[in-house]
Amino acid sequence: MKSKMVTISVPFSIYDQLAQIADISGLSIDEVFERTLKNGMPPSLKKVPKAYHQKLLILNCIGDNELWDVVSGQSEIEAPPEAEINPEDYVTLYRAYAFSLLQWRGHPVPPHEMMF
C-alpha cells in the first residue's frame, strides 16, 4: 500500500498512551497510529451504491438530536424514486449511516436489546 508522510502534533498524553500500546503489543508506533486513524475515521460509503452517497452525506450536516430521531425511527425516511434497492433496505441503510455518524461523533453504542 502506498503511503504519505505527514507530520502532526499530538498532546504528550495521547502519544504516551499510544506508545504504551505499541510497546505492549509489539507493534510499531506507526502501526498503532495507523490503526487509531483508521478506526477513528468517519463512516465510509465504499460499499454503498454511488447513487445514494449524496443523500447519506447530507446527514453529516444535521445535529445529533436529529440523527437520534433518524436512528429511532421518529424521522420520516423515503427512498429516492431512483432507488436501486427496495425501500425497506434504503431506510435501514439511511438509519445505519445516521447511527454510525453518532458513533463517530463519540456517542456510546447502546446494547443491542435497547436498540430494537
PDB file of N, CA and C in Angstrom:
ATOM      1  N   MET A   1       0.838  -1.168   0.000  1.00  0.00           N
ATOM      2  CA  MET A   1       0.000   0.000   0.000  1.00  0.00           C
ATOM      3  C   MET A   1       0.886   1.235   0.000  1.00  0.00           C
ATOM      4  N   LYS A   2       0.550   2.203  -0.842  1.00  0.00           N
ATOM      5  CA  LYS A   2       1.295   3.455  -0.856  1.00  0.00           C
ATOM      6  C   LYS A   2       0.977   4.248   0.397  1.00  0.00           C
ATOM      7  N   SER A   3       1.917   5.068   0.807  1.00  0.00           N
ATOM      8  CA  SER A   3       1.667   5.898   1.987  1.00  0.00           C
ATOM      9  C   SER A   3       2.229   7.288   1.754  1.00  0.00           C
ATOM     10  N   LYS A   4       1.790   8.198   2.577  1.00  0.00           N
ATOM     11  CA  LYS A   4       2.240   9.588   2.507  1.00  0.00           C
ATOM     12  C   LYS A   4       2.732   9.970   3.891  1.00  0.00           C
ATOM     13  N   MET A   5       3.900  10.572   3.945  1.00  0.00           N
ATOM     14  CA  MET A   5       4.481  11.004   5.213  1.00  0.00           C
ATOM     15  C   MET A   5       3.852  12.348   5.593  1.00  0.00           C
ATOM     16  N   VAL A   6       3.337  12.412   6.836  1.00  0.00           N
ATOM     17  CA  VAL A   6       2.788  13.658   7.361  1.00  0.00           C
ATOM     18  C   VAL A   6       3.364  13.887   8.746  1.00  0.00           C
ATOM     19  N   THR A   7       3.387  15.123   9.159  1.00  0.00           N
ATOM     20  CA  THR A   7       3.852  15.475  10.491  1.00  0.00           C
ATOM     21  C   THR A   7       2.692  16.129  11.218  1.00  0.00           C
ATOM     22  N   ILE A   8       2.367  15.595  12.404  1.00  0.00           N
ATOM     23  CA  ILE A   8       1.303  16.175  13.211  1.00  0.00           C
ATOM     24  C   ILE A   8       1.810  16.348  14.632  1.00  0.00           C
ATOM     25  N   SER A   9       1.176  17.262  15.343  1.00  0.00           N
ATOM     26  CA  SER A   9       1.471  17.447  16.765  1.00  0.00           C
ATOM     27  C   SER A   9       0.336  16.830  17.562  1.00  0.00           C
ATOM     28  N   VAL A  10       0.688  16.027  18.551  1.00  0.00           N
ATOM     29  CA  VAL A  10      -0.315  15.430  19.436  1.00  0.00           C
ATOM     30  C   VAL A  10       0.101  15.707  20.876  1.00  0.00           C
ATOM     31  N   PRO A  11      -0.863  15.821  21.754  1.00  0.00           N
ATOM     32  CA  PRO A  11      -0.515  16.014  23.168  1.00  0.00           C
ATOM     33  C   PRO A  11       0.313  14.832  23.676  1.00  0.00           C
ATOM     34  N   PHE A  12       1.214  15.108  24.616  1.00  0.00           N
ATOM     35  CA  PHE A  12       2.058  14.059  25.185  1.00  0.00           C
ATOM     36  C   PHE A  12       1.226  12.919  25.741  1.00  0.00           C
ATOM     37  N   SER A  13       0.090  13.251  26.352  1.00  0.00           N
ATOM     38  CA  SER A  13      -0.733  12.200  26.968  1.00  0.00           C
ATOM     39  C   SER A  13      -1.229  11.201  25.921  1.00  0.00           C
ATOM     40  N   ILE A  14      -1.593  11.673  24.743  1.00  0.00           N
ATOM     41  CA  ILE A  14      -2.042  10.779  23.670  1.00  0.00           C
ATOM     42  C   ILE A  14      -0.870   9.979  23.134  1.00  0.00           C
ATOM     43  N   TYR A  15       0.256  10.656  22.908  1.00  0.00           N
ATOM     44  CA  TYR A  15       1.431   9.945  22.404  1.00  0.00           C
ATOM     45  C   TYR A  15       1.856   8.858  23.381  1.00  0.00           C
ATOM     46  N   ASP A  16       1.913   9.199  24.677  1.00  0.00           N
ATOM     47  CA  ASP A  16       2.331   8.222  25.691  1.00  0.00           C
ATOM     48  C   ASP A  16       1.397   7.012  25.714  1.00  0.00           C
ATOM     49  N   GLN A  17       0.096   7.265  25.592  1.00  0.00           N
ATOM     50  CA  GLN A  17      -0.873   6.172  25.602  1.00  0.00           C
ATOM     51  C   GLN A  17      -0.661   5.256  24.398  1.00  0.00           C
ATOM     52  N   LEU A  18      -0.463   5.846  23.213  1.00  0.00           N
ATOM     53  CA  LEU A  18      -0.255   5.041  22.005  1.00  0.00           C
ATOM     54  C   LEU A  18       1.106   4.343  22.029  1.00  0.00           C
ATOM     55  N   ALA A  19       2.114   5.007  22.567  1.00  0.00           N
ATOM     56  CA  ALA A  19       3.442   4.382  22.670  1.00  0.00           C
ATOM     57  C   ALA A  19       3.400   3.187  23.621  1.00  0.00           C
ATOM     58  N   GLN A  20       2.627   3.313  24.692  1.00  0.00           N
ATOM     59  CA  GLN A  20       2.486   2.206  25.634  1.00  0.00           C
ATOM     60  C   GLN A  20       1.824   1.004  24.946  1.00  0.00           C
ATOM     61  N   ILE A  21       0.799   1.263  24.151  1.00  0.00           N
ATOM     62  CA  ILE A  21       0.138   0.188  23.411  1.00  0.00           C
ATOM     63  C   ILE A  21       1.117  -0.455  22.427  1.00  0.00           C
ATOM     64  N   ALA A  22       1.926   0.369  21.764  1.00  0.00           N
ATOM     65  CA  ALA A  22       2.918  -0.151  20.816  1.00  0.00           C
ATOM     66  C   ALA A  22       3.907  -1.066  21.538  1.00  0.00           C
ATOM     67  N   ASP A  23       4.404  -0.623  22.676  1.00  0.00           N
ATOM     68  CA  ASP A  23       5.365  -1.430  23.431  1.00  0.00           C
ATOM     69  C   ASP A  23       4.770  -2.761  23.872  1.00  0.00           C
ATOM     70  N   ILE A  24       3.569  -2.700  24.395  1.00  0.00           N
ATOM     71  CA  ILE A  24       2.928  -3.906  24.923  1.00  0.00           C
ATOM     72  C   ILE A  24       2.556  -4.879  23.816  1.00  0.00           C
ATOM     73  N   SER A  25       2.062  -4.348  22.693  1.00  0.00           N
ATOM     74  CA  SER A  25       1.548  -5.210  21.625  1.00  0.00           C
ATOM     75  C   SER A  25       2.629  -5.689  20.662  1.00  0.00           C
ATOM     76  N   GLY A  26       3.796  -5.061  20.708  1.00  0.00           N
ATOM     77  CA  GLY A  26       4.851  -5.430  19.771  1.00  0.00           C
ATOM     78  C   GLY A  26       4.690  -4.777  18.405  1.00  0.00           C
ATOM     79  N   LEU A  27       3.749  -3.856  18.293  1.00  0.00           N
ATOM     80  CA  LEU A  27       3.559  -3.114  17.043  1.00  0.00           C
ATOM     81  C   LEU A  27       4.447  -1.876  17.054  1.00  0.00           C
ATOM     82  N   SER A  28       4.730  -1.375  15.877  1.00  0.00           N
ATOM     83  CA  SER A  28       5.475  -0.120  15.805  1.00  0.00           C
ATOM     84  C   SER A  28       4.526   1.026  16.142  1.00  0.00           C
ATOM     85  N   ILE A  29       5.088   2.141  16.547  1.00  0.00           N
ATOM     86  CA  ILE A  29       4.250   3.313  16.844  1.00  0.00           C
ATOM     87  C   ILE A  29       3.495   3.745  15.580  1.00  0.00           C
ATOM     88  N   ASP A  30       4.118   3.582  14.407  1.00  0.00           N
ATOM     89  CA  ASP A  30       3.434   3.906  13.147  1.00  0.00           C
ATOM     90  C   ASP A  30       2.197   3.031  12.956  1.00  0.00           C
ATOM     91  N   GLU A  31       2.315   1.736  13.259  1.00  0.00           N
ATOM     92  CA  GLU A  31       1.173   0.824  13.106  1.00  0.00           C
ATOM     93  C   GLU A  31       0.041   1.185  14.066  1.00  0.00           C
ATOM     94  N   VAL A  32       0.400   1.572  15.291  1.00  0.00           N
ATOM     95  CA  VAL A  32      -0.621   1.945  16.268  1.00  0.00           C
ATOM     96  C   VAL A  32      -1.327   3.228  15.832  1.00  0.00           C
ATOM     97  N   PHE A  33      -0.561   4.205  15.352  1.00  0.00           N
ATOM     98  CA  PHE A  33      -1.174   5.440  14.857  1.00  0.00           C
ATOM     99  C   PHE A  33      -2.073   5.146  13.656  1.00  0.00           C
ATOM    100  N   GLU A  34      -1.607   4.280  12.757  1.00  0.00           N
ATOM    101  CA  GLU A  34      -2.413   3.945  11.580  1.00  0.00           C
ATOM    102  C   GLU A  34      -3.724   3.296  11.994  1.00  0.00           C
ATOM    103  N   ARG A  35      -3.672   2.353  12.921  1.00  0.00           N
ATOM    104  CA  ARG A  35      -4.909   1.708  13.390  1.00  0.00           C
ATOM    105  C   ARG A  35      -5.831   2.726  14.049  1.00  0.00           C
ATOM    106  N   THR A  36      -5.248   3.617  14.827  1.00  0.00           N
ATOM    107  CA  THR A  36      -6.042   4.629  15.515  1.00  0.00           C
ATOM    108  C   THR A  36      -6.718   5.553  14.506  1.00  0.00           C
ATOM    109  N   LEU A  37      -5.974   5.973  13.502  1.00  0.00           N
ATOM    110  CA  LEU A  37      -6.563   6.833  12.472  1.00  0.00           C
ATOM    111  C   LEU A  37      -7.645   6.093  11.694  1.00  0.00           C
ATOM    112  N   LYS A  38      -7.371   4.860  11.331  1.00  0.00           N
ATOM    113  CA  LYS A  38      -8.330   4.090  10.537  1.00  0.00           C
ATOM    114  C   LYS A  38      -9.620   3.848  11.304  1.00  0.00           C
ATOM    115  N   ASN A  39      -9.497   3.444  12.561  1.00  0.00           N
ATOM    116  CA  ASN A  39     -10.688   3.138  13.352  1.00  0.00           C
ATOM    117  C   ASN A  39     -11.429   4.386  13.800  1.00  0.00           C
ATOM    118  N   GLY A  40     -10.753   5.513  13.738  1.00  0.00           N
ATOM    119  CA  GLY A  40     -11.396   6.757  14.132  1.00  0.00           C
ATOM    120  C   GLY A  40     -11.899   7.559  12.950  1.00  0.00           C
ATOM    121  N   MET A  41     -11.828   6.991  11.761  1.00  0.00           N
ATOM    122  CA  MET A  41     -12.269   7.702  10.561  1.00  0.00           C
ATOM    123  C   MET A  41     -13.787   7.781  10.515  1.00  0.00           C
ATOM    124  N   PRO A  42     -14.307   8.792   9.829  1.00  0.00           N
ATOM    125  CA  PRO A  42     -15.760   8.855   9.665  1.00  0.00           C
ATOM    126  C   PRO A  42     -16.267   7.657   8.875  1.00  0.00           C
ATOM    127  N   PRO A  43     -17.548   7.352   8.990  1.00  0.00           N
ATOM    128  CA  PRO A  43     -18.091   6.188   8.287  1.00  0.00           C
ATOM    129  C   PRO A  43     -17.829   6.260   6.783  1.00  0.00           C
ATOM    130  N   SER A  44     -17.518   5.121   6.219  1.00  0.00           N
ATOM    131  CA  SER A  44     -17.204   5.029   4.795  1.00  0.00           C
ATOM    132  C   SER A  44     -18.446   4.645   3.992  1.00  0.00           C
ATOM    133  N   LEU A  45     -18.499   5.134   2.769  1.00  0.00           N
ATOM    134  CA  LEU A  45     -19.585   4.774   1.855  1.00  0.00           C
ATOM    135  C   LEU A  45     -19.071   3.902   0.717  1.00  0.00           C
ATOM    136  N   LYS A  46     -17.901   3.283   0.907  1.00  0.00           N
ATOM    137  CA  LYS A  46     -17.291   2.466  -0.152  1.00  0.00           C
ATOM    138  C   LYS A  46     -18.223   1.394  -0.684  1.00  0.00           C
ATOM    139  N   LYS A  47     -18.973   0.755   0.180  1.00  0.00           N
ATOM    140  CA  LYS A  47     -19.809  -0.369  -0.232  1.00  0.00           C
ATOM    141  C   LYS A  47     -21.244   0.043  -0.568  1.00  0.00           C
ATOM    142  N   VAL A  48     -21.511   1.335  -0.535  1.00  0.00           N
ATOM    143  CA  VAL A  48     -22.847   1.853  -0.830  1.00  0.00           C
ATOM    144  C   VAL A  48     -22.881   2.315  -2.281  1.00  0.00           C
ATOM    145  N   PRO A  49     -23.942   1.985  -3.026  1.00  0.00           N
ATOM    146  CA  PRO A  49     -24.029   2.467  -4.407  1.00  0.00           C
ATOM    147  C   PRO A  49     -23.904   3.991  -4.474  1.00  0.00           C
ATOM    148  N   LYS A  50     -23.161   4.466  -5.444  1.00  0.00           N
ATOM    149  CA  LYS A  50     -22.897   5.912  -5.581  1.00  0.00           C
ATOM    150  C   LYS A  50     -24.175   6.735  -5.660  1.00  0.00           C
ATOM    151  N   ALA A  51     -25.232   6.156  -6.168  1.00  0.00           N
ATOM    152  CA  ALA A  51     -26.499   6.885  -6.290  1.00  0.00           C
ATOM    153  C   ALA A  51     -27.014   7.376  -4.938  1.00  0.00           C
ATOM    154  N   TYR A  52     -26.583   6.758  -3.847  1.00  0.00           N
ATOM    155  CA  TYR A  52     -27.074   7.119  -2.520  1.00  0.00           C
ATOM    156  C   TYR A  52     -26.107   8.001  -1.736  1.00  0.00           C
ATOM    157  N   HIS A  53     -24.904   8.192  -2.221  1.00  0.00           N
ATOM    158  CA  HIS A  53     -23.892   8.931  -1.458  1.00  0.00           C
ATOM    159  C   HIS A  53     -24.368  10.318  -1.049  1.00  0.00           C
ATOM    160  N   GLN A  54     -24.885  11.091  -1.977  1.00  0.00           N
ATOM    161  CA  GLN A  54     -25.269  12.471  -1.677  1.00  0.00           C
ATOM    162  C   GLN A  54     -26.351  12.515  -0.602  1.00  0.00           C
ATOM    163  N   LYS A  55     -27.358  11.643  -0.726  1.00  0.00           N
ATOM    164  CA  LYS A  55     -28.453  11.609   0.269  1.00  0.00           C
ATOM    165  C   LYS A  55     -27.909  11.267   1.658  1.00  0.00           C
ATOM    166  N   LEU A  56     -26.960  10.347   1.725  1.00  0.00           N
ATOM    167  CA  LEU A  56     -26.402   9.951   3.017  1.00  0.00           C
ATOM    168  C   LEU A  56     -25.445  11.003   3.558  1.00  0.00           C
ATOM    169  N   LEU A  57     -24.644  11.590   2.693  1.00  0.00           N
ATOM    170  CA  LEU A  57     -23.677  12.591   3.148  1.00  0.00           C
ATOM    171  C   LEU A  57     -24.363  13.818   3.756  1.00  0.00           C
ATOM    172  N   ILE A  58     -25.575  14.101   3.317  1.00  0.00           N
ATOM    173  CA  ILE A  58     -26.332  15.224   3.880  1.00  0.00           C
ATOM    174  C   ILE A  58     -26.521  15.046   5.389  1.00  0.00           C
ATOM    175  N   LEU A  59     -26.566  13.798   5.834  1.00  0.00           N
ATOM    176  CA  LEU A  59     -26.728  13.542   7.265  1.00  0.00           C
ATOM    177  C   LEU A  59     -25.587  14.137   8.084  1.00  0.00           C
ATOM    178  N   ASN A  60     -24.434  14.360   7.473  1.00  0.00           N
ATOM    179  CA  ASN A  60     -23.309  14.969   8.178  1.00  0.00           C
ATOM    180  C   ASN A  60     -23.609  16.403   8.588  1.00  0.00           C
ATOM    181  N   CYS A  61     -24.586  17.022   7.966  1.00  0.00           N
ATOM    182  CA  CYS A  61     -24.917  18.433   8.219  1.00  0.00           C
ATOM    183  C   CYS A  61     -25.918  18.625   9.349  1.00  0.00           C
ATOM    184  N   ILE A  62     -26.524  17.549   9.838  1.00  0.00           N
ATOM    185  CA  ILE A  62     -27.542  17.729  10.867  1.00  0.00           C
ATOM    186  C   ILE A  62     -26.988  17.412  12.243  1.00  0.00           C
ATOM    187  N   GLY A  63     -27.660  17.928  13.242  1.00  0.00           N
ATOM    188  CA  GLY A  63     -27.215  17.769  14.620  1.00  0.00           C
ATOM    189  C   GLY A  63     -27.481  16.384  15.186  1.00  0.00           C
ATOM    190  N   ASP A  64     -26.909  16.158  16.345  1.00  0.00           N
ATOM    191  CA  ASP A  64     -27.026  14.854  16.994  1.00  0.00           C
ATOM    192  C   ASP A  64     -28.476  14.499  17.326  1.00  0.00           C
ATOM    193  N   ASN A  65     -29.254  15.451  17.811  1.00  0.00           N
ATOM    194  CA  ASN A  65     -30.646  15.154  18.160  1.00  0.00           C
ATOM    195  C   ASN A  65     -31.428  14.693  16.943  1.00  0.00           C
ATOM    196  N   GLU A  66     -31.210  15.347  15.805  1.00  0.00           N
ATOM    197  CA  GLU A  66     -31.898  14.955  14.579  1.00  0.00           C
ATOM    198  C   GLU A  66     -31.435  13.570  14.118  1.00  0.00           C
ATOM    199  N   LEU A  67     -30.126  13.283  14.298  1.00  0.00           N
ATOM    200  CA  LEU A  67     -29.633  11.952  13.944  1.00  0.00           C
ATOM    201  C   LEU A  67     -30.274  10.884  14.828  1.00  0.00           C
ATOM    202  N   TRP A  68     -30.434  11.188  16.120  1.00  0.00           N
ATOM    203  CA  TRP A  68     -31.100  10.228  17.003  1.00  0.00           C
ATOM    204  C   TRP A  68     -32.541   9.992  16.554  1.00  0.00           C
ATOM    205  N   ASP A  69     -33.209  11.050  16.055  1.00  0.00           N
ATOM    206  CA  ASP A  69     -34.570  10.884  15.528  1.00  0.00           C
ATOM    207  C   ASP A  69     -34.575   9.937  14.332  1.00  0.00           C
ATOM    208  N   VAL A  70     -33.572  10.060  13.470  1.00  0.00           N
ATOM    209  CA  VAL A  70     -33.462   9.164  12.313  1.00  0.00           C
ATOM    210  C   VAL A  70     -33.252   7.730  12.786  1.00  0.00           C
ATOM    211  N   VAL A  71     -32.312   7.543  13.701  1.00  0.00           N
ATOM    212  CA  VAL A  71     -31.971   6.202  14.190  1.00  0.00           C
ATOM    213  C   VAL A  71     -33.170   5.546  14.872  1.00  0.00           C
ATOM    214  N   SER A  72     -33.901   6.319  15.655  1.00  0.00           N
ATOM    215  CA  SER A  72     -35.012   5.753  16.426  1.00  0.00           C
ATOM    216  C   SER A  72     -36.284   5.580  15.611  1.00  0.00           C
ATOM    217  N   GLY A  73     -36.270   6.038  14.366  1.00  0.00           N
ATOM    218  CA  GLY A  73     -37.445   5.883  13.516  1.00  0.00           C
ATOM    219  C   GLY A  73     -38.465   6.995  13.685  1.00  0.00           C
ATOM    220  N   GLN A  74     -38.115   8.059  14.400  1.00  0.00           N
ATOM    221  CA  GLN A  74     -39.035   9.175  14.612  1.00  0.00           C
ATOM    222  C   GLN A  74     -39.002  10.175  13.460  1.00  0.00           C
ATOM    223  N   SER A  75     -38.128   9.957  12.523  1.00  0.00           N
ATOM    224  CA  SER A  75     -37.987  10.832  11.368  1.00  0.00           C
ATOM    225  C   SER A  75     -38.472  10.099  10.124  1.00  0.00           C
ATOM    226  N   GLU A  76     -39.250  10.772   9.300  1.00  0.00           N
ATOM    227  CA  GLU A  76     -39.771  10.171   8.069  1.00  0.00           C
ATOM    228  C   GLU A  76     -38.636   9.996   7.061  1.00  0.00           C
ATOM    229  N   ILE A  77     -38.479   8.796   6.545  1.00  0.00           N
ATOM    230  CA  ILE A  77     -37.428   8.500   5.564  1.00  0.00           C
ATOM    231  C   ILE A  77     -38.089   7.878   4.344  1.00  0.00           C
ATOM    232  N   GLU A  78     -37.865   8.483   3.209  1.00  0.00           N
ATOM    233  CA  GLU A  78     -38.405   7.934   1.969  1.00  0.00           C
ATOM    234  C   GLU A  78     -37.268   7.602   1.027  1.00  0.00           C
ATOM    235  N   ALA A  79     -37.358   6.441   0.423  1.00  0.00           N
ATOM    236  CA  ALA A  79     -36.353   6.054  -0.570  1.00  0.00           C
ATOM    237  C   ALA A  79     -36.507   6.952  -1.788  1.00  0.00           C
ATOM    238  N   PRO A  80     -35.391   7.380  -2.373  1.00  0.00           N
ATOM    239  CA  PRO A  80     -35.489   8.198  -3.584  1.00  0.00           C
ATOM    240  C   PRO A  80     -36.146   7.394  -4.707  1.00  0.00           C
ATOM    241  N   PRO A  81     -36.840   8.077  -5.622  1.00  0.00           N
ATOM    242  CA  PRO A  81     -37.543   7.361  -6.693  1.00  0.00           C
ATOM    243  C   PRO A  81     -36.619   6.493  -7.549  1.00  0.00           C
ATOM    244  N   GLU A  82     -35.370   6.880  -7.667  1.00  0.00           N
ATOM    245  CA  GLU A  82     -34.425   6.132  -8.492  1.00  0.00           C
ATOM    246  C   GLU A  82     -33.713   5.023  -7.704  1.00  0.00           C
ATOM    247  N   ALA A  83     -34.250   4.678  -6.536  1.00  0.00           N
ATOM    248  CA  ALA A  83     -33.608   3.694  -5.663  1.00  0.00           C
ATOM    249  C   ALA A  83     -33.389   2.367  -6.383  1.00  0.00           C
ATOM    250  N   GLU A  84     -32.168   1.864  -6.226  1.00  0.00           N
ATOM    251  CA  GLU A  84     -31.794   0.578  -6.818  1.00  0.00           C
ATOM    252  C   GLU A  84     -32.095  -0.583  -5.880  1.00  0.00           C
ATOM    253  N   ILE A  85     -32.443  -0.256  -4.639  1.00  0.00           N
ATOM    254  CA  ILE A  85     -32.768  -1.287  -3.658  1.00  0.00           C
ATOM    255  C   ILE A  85     -34.188  -1.047  -3.167  1.00  0.00           C
ATOM    256  N   ASN A  86     -34.766  -2.037  -2.497  1.00  0.00           N
ATOM    257  CA  ASN A  86     -36.148  -1.847  -2.054  1.00  0.00           C
ATOM    258  C   ASN A  86     -36.208  -0.802  -0.946  1.00  0.00           C
ATOM    259  N   PRO A  87     -37.352  -0.137  -0.794  1.00  0.00           N
ATOM    260  CA  PRO A  87     -37.468   0.970   0.167  1.00  0.00           C
ATOM    261  C   PRO A  87     -37.103   0.602   1.600  1.00  0.00           C
ATOM    262  N   GLU A  88     -37.446  -0.605   2.041  1.00  0.00           N
ATOM    263  CA  GLU A  88     -37.113  -1.002   3.414  1.00  0.00           C
ATOM    264  C   GLU A  88     -35.601  -1.083   3.614  1.00  0.00           C
ATOM    265  N   ASP A  89     -34.901  -1.595   2.615  1.00  0.00           N
ATOM    266  CA  ASP A  89     -33.439  -1.670   2.702  1.00  0.00           C
ATOM    267  C   ASP A  89     -32.821  -0.283   2.693  1.00  0.00           C
ATOM    268  N   TYR A  90     -33.413   0.629   1.919  1.00  0.00           N
ATOM    269  CA  TYR A  90     -32.900   2.004   1.888  1.00  0.00           C
ATOM    270  C   TYR A  90     -33.060   2.649   3.263  1.00  0.00           C
ATOM    271  N   VAL A  91     -34.213   2.467   3.887  1.00  0.00           N
ATOM    272  CA  VAL A  91     -34.447   3.037   5.216  1.00  0.00           C
ATOM    273  C   VAL A  91     -33.435   2.471   6.210  1.00  0.00           C
ATOM    274  N   THR A  92     -33.183   1.178   6.134  1.00  0.00           N
ATOM    275  CA  THR A  92     -32.196   0.550   7.019  1.00  0.00           C
ATOM    276  C   THR A  92     -30.810   1.141   6.775  1.00  0.00           C
ATOM    277  N   LEU A  93     -30.442   1.315   5.525  1.00  0.00           N
ATOM    278  CA  LEU A  93     -29.147   1.906   5.173  1.00  0.00           C
ATOM    279  C   LEU A  93     -29.036   3.329   5.721  1.00  0.00           C
ATOM    280  N   TYR A  94     -30.081   4.115   5.545  1.00  0.00           N
ATOM    281  CA  TYR A  94     -30.121   5.509   5.999  1.00  0.00           C
ATOM    282  C   TYR A  94     -29.969   5.581   7.517  1.00  0.00           C
ATOM    283  N   ARG A  95     -30.733   4.733   8.217  1.00  0.00           N
ATOM    284  CA  ARG A  95     -30.659   4.713   9.681  1.00  0.00           C
ATOM    285  C   ARG A  95     -29.290   4.238  10.156  1.00  0.00           C
ATOM    286  N   ALA A  96     -28.722   3.243   9.489  1.00  0.00           N
ATOM    287  CA  ALA A  96     -27.406   2.718   9.872  1.00  0.00           C
ATOM    288  C   ALA A  96     -26.324   3.781   9.694  1.00  0.00           C
ATOM    289  N   TYR A  97     -26.414   4.546   8.606  1.00  0.00           N
ATOM    290  CA  TYR A  97     -25.418   5.603   8.393  1.00  0.00           C
ATOM    291  C   TYR A  97     -25.565   6.686   9.460  1.00  0.00           C
ATOM    292  N   ALA A  98     -26.801   7.050   9.799  1.00  0.00           N
ATOM    293  CA  ALA A  98     -27.024   8.041  10.856  1.00  0.00           C
ATOM    294  C   ALA A  98     -26.439   7.540  12.177  1.00  0.00           C
ATOM    295  N   PHE A  99     -26.648   6.272  12.474  1.00  0.00           N
ATOM    296  CA  PHE A  99     -26.113   5.701  13.712  1.00  0.00           C
ATOM    297  C   PHE A  99     -24.588   5.702  13.701  1.00  0.00           C
ATOM    298  N   SER A 100     -23.995   5.356  12.564  1.00  0.00           N
ATOM    299  CA  SER A 100     -22.533   5.336  12.502  1.00  0.00           C
ATOM    300  C   SER A 100     -21.956   6.743  12.664  1.00  0.00           C
ATOM    301  N   LEU A 101     -22.678   7.760  12.192  1.00  0.00           N
ATOM    302  CA  LEU A 101     -22.236   9.147  12.419  1.00  0.00           C
ATOM    303  C   LEU A 101     -22.281   9.491  13.903  1.00  0.00           C
ATOM    304  N   LEU A 102     -23.345   9.077  14.575  1.00  0.00           N
ATOM    305  CA  LEU A 102     -23.424   9.332  16.016  1.00  0.00           C
ATOM    306  C   LEU A 102     -22.280   8.642  16.753  1.00  0.00           C
ATOM    307  N   GLN A 103     -21.997   7.418  16.369  1.00  0.00           N
ATOM    308  CA  GLN A 103     -20.899   6.683  16.989  1.00  0.00           C
ATOM    309  C   GLN A 103     -19.578   7.403  16.730  1.00  0.00           C
ATOM    310  N   TRP A 104     -19.366   7.865  15.501  1.00  0.00           N
ATOM    311  CA  TRP A 104     -18.141   8.579  15.153  1.00  0.00           C
ATOM    312  C   TRP A 104     -18.030   9.882  15.933  1.00  0.00           C
ATOM    313  N   ARG A 105     -19.157  10.500  16.225  1.00  0.00           N
ATOM    314  CA  ARG A 105     -19.162  11.751  16.989  1.00  0.00           C
ATOM    315  C   ARG A 105     -18.961  11.508  18.478  1.00  0.00           C
ATOM    316  N   GLY A 106     -18.810  10.247  18.874  1.00  0.00           N
ATOM    317  CA  GLY A 106     -18.466   9.941  20.258  1.00  0.00           C
ATOM    318  C   GLY A 106     -19.599   9.446  21.126  1.00  0.00           C
ATOM    319  N   HIS A 107     -20.772   9.226  20.548  1.00  0.00           N
ATOM    320  CA  HIS A 107     -21.879   8.705  21.347  1.00  0.00           C
ATOM    321  C   HIS A 107     -21.679   7.216  21.584  1.00  0.00           C
ATOM    322  N   PRO A 108     -21.959   6.760  22.801  1.00  0.00           N
ATOM    323  CA  PRO A 108     -21.790   5.333  23.083  1.00  0.00           C
ATOM    324  C   PRO A 108     -22.800   4.491  22.313  1.00  0.00           C
ATOM    325  N   VAL A 109     -22.409   3.282  22.017  1.00  0.00           N
ATOM    326  CA  VAL A 109     -23.280   2.345  21.323  1.00  0.00           C
ATOM    327  C   VAL A 109     -24.137   1.649  22.367  1.00  0.00           C
ATOM    328  N   PRO A 110     -25.467   1.819  22.308  1.00  0.00           N
ATOM    329  CA  PRO A 110     -26.304   1.117  23.282  1.00  0.00           C
ATOM    330  C   PRO A 110     -26.308  -0.388  23.016  1.00  0.00           C
ATOM    331  N   PRO A 111     -26.581  -1.175  24.048  1.00  0.00           N
ATOM    332  CA  PRO A 111     -26.674  -2.618  23.840  1.00  0.00           C
ATOM    333  C   PRO A 111     -27.742  -2.952  22.801  1.00  0.00           C
ATOM    334  N   HIS A 112     -27.547  -4.043  22.087  1.00  0.00           N
ATOM    335  CA  HIS A 112     -28.449  -4.441  21.008  1.00  0.00           C
ATOM    336  C   HIS A 112     -29.907  -4.498  21.455  1.00  0.00           C
ATOM    337  N   GLU A 113     -30.149  -5.027  22.645  1.00  0.00           N
ATOM    338  CA  GLU A 113     -31.536  -5.182  23.088  1.00  0.00           C
ATOM    339  C   GLU A 113     -32.214  -3.838  23.341  1.00  0.00           C
ATOM    340  N   MET A 114     -31.441  -2.767  23.532  1.00  0.00           N
ATOM    341  CA  MET A 114     -32.033  -1.440  23.712  1.00  0.00           C
ATOM    342  C   MET A 114     -32.379  -0.781  22.381  1.00  0.00           C
ATOM    343  N   MET A 115     -31.776  -1.287  21.307  1.00  0.00           N
ATOM    344  CA  MET A 115     -31.988  -0.659  20.005  1.00  0.00           C
ATOM    345  C   MET A 115     -33.259  -1.148  19.330  1.00  0.00           C
ATOM    346  N   PHE A 116     -33.667  -2.377  19.600  1.00  0.00           N
ATOM    347  CA  PHE A 116     -34.778  -2.947  18.840  1.00  0.00           C
ATOM    348  C   PHE A 116     -35.862  -3.491  19.726  1.00  0.00           C
TER     349      PHE A 116
END
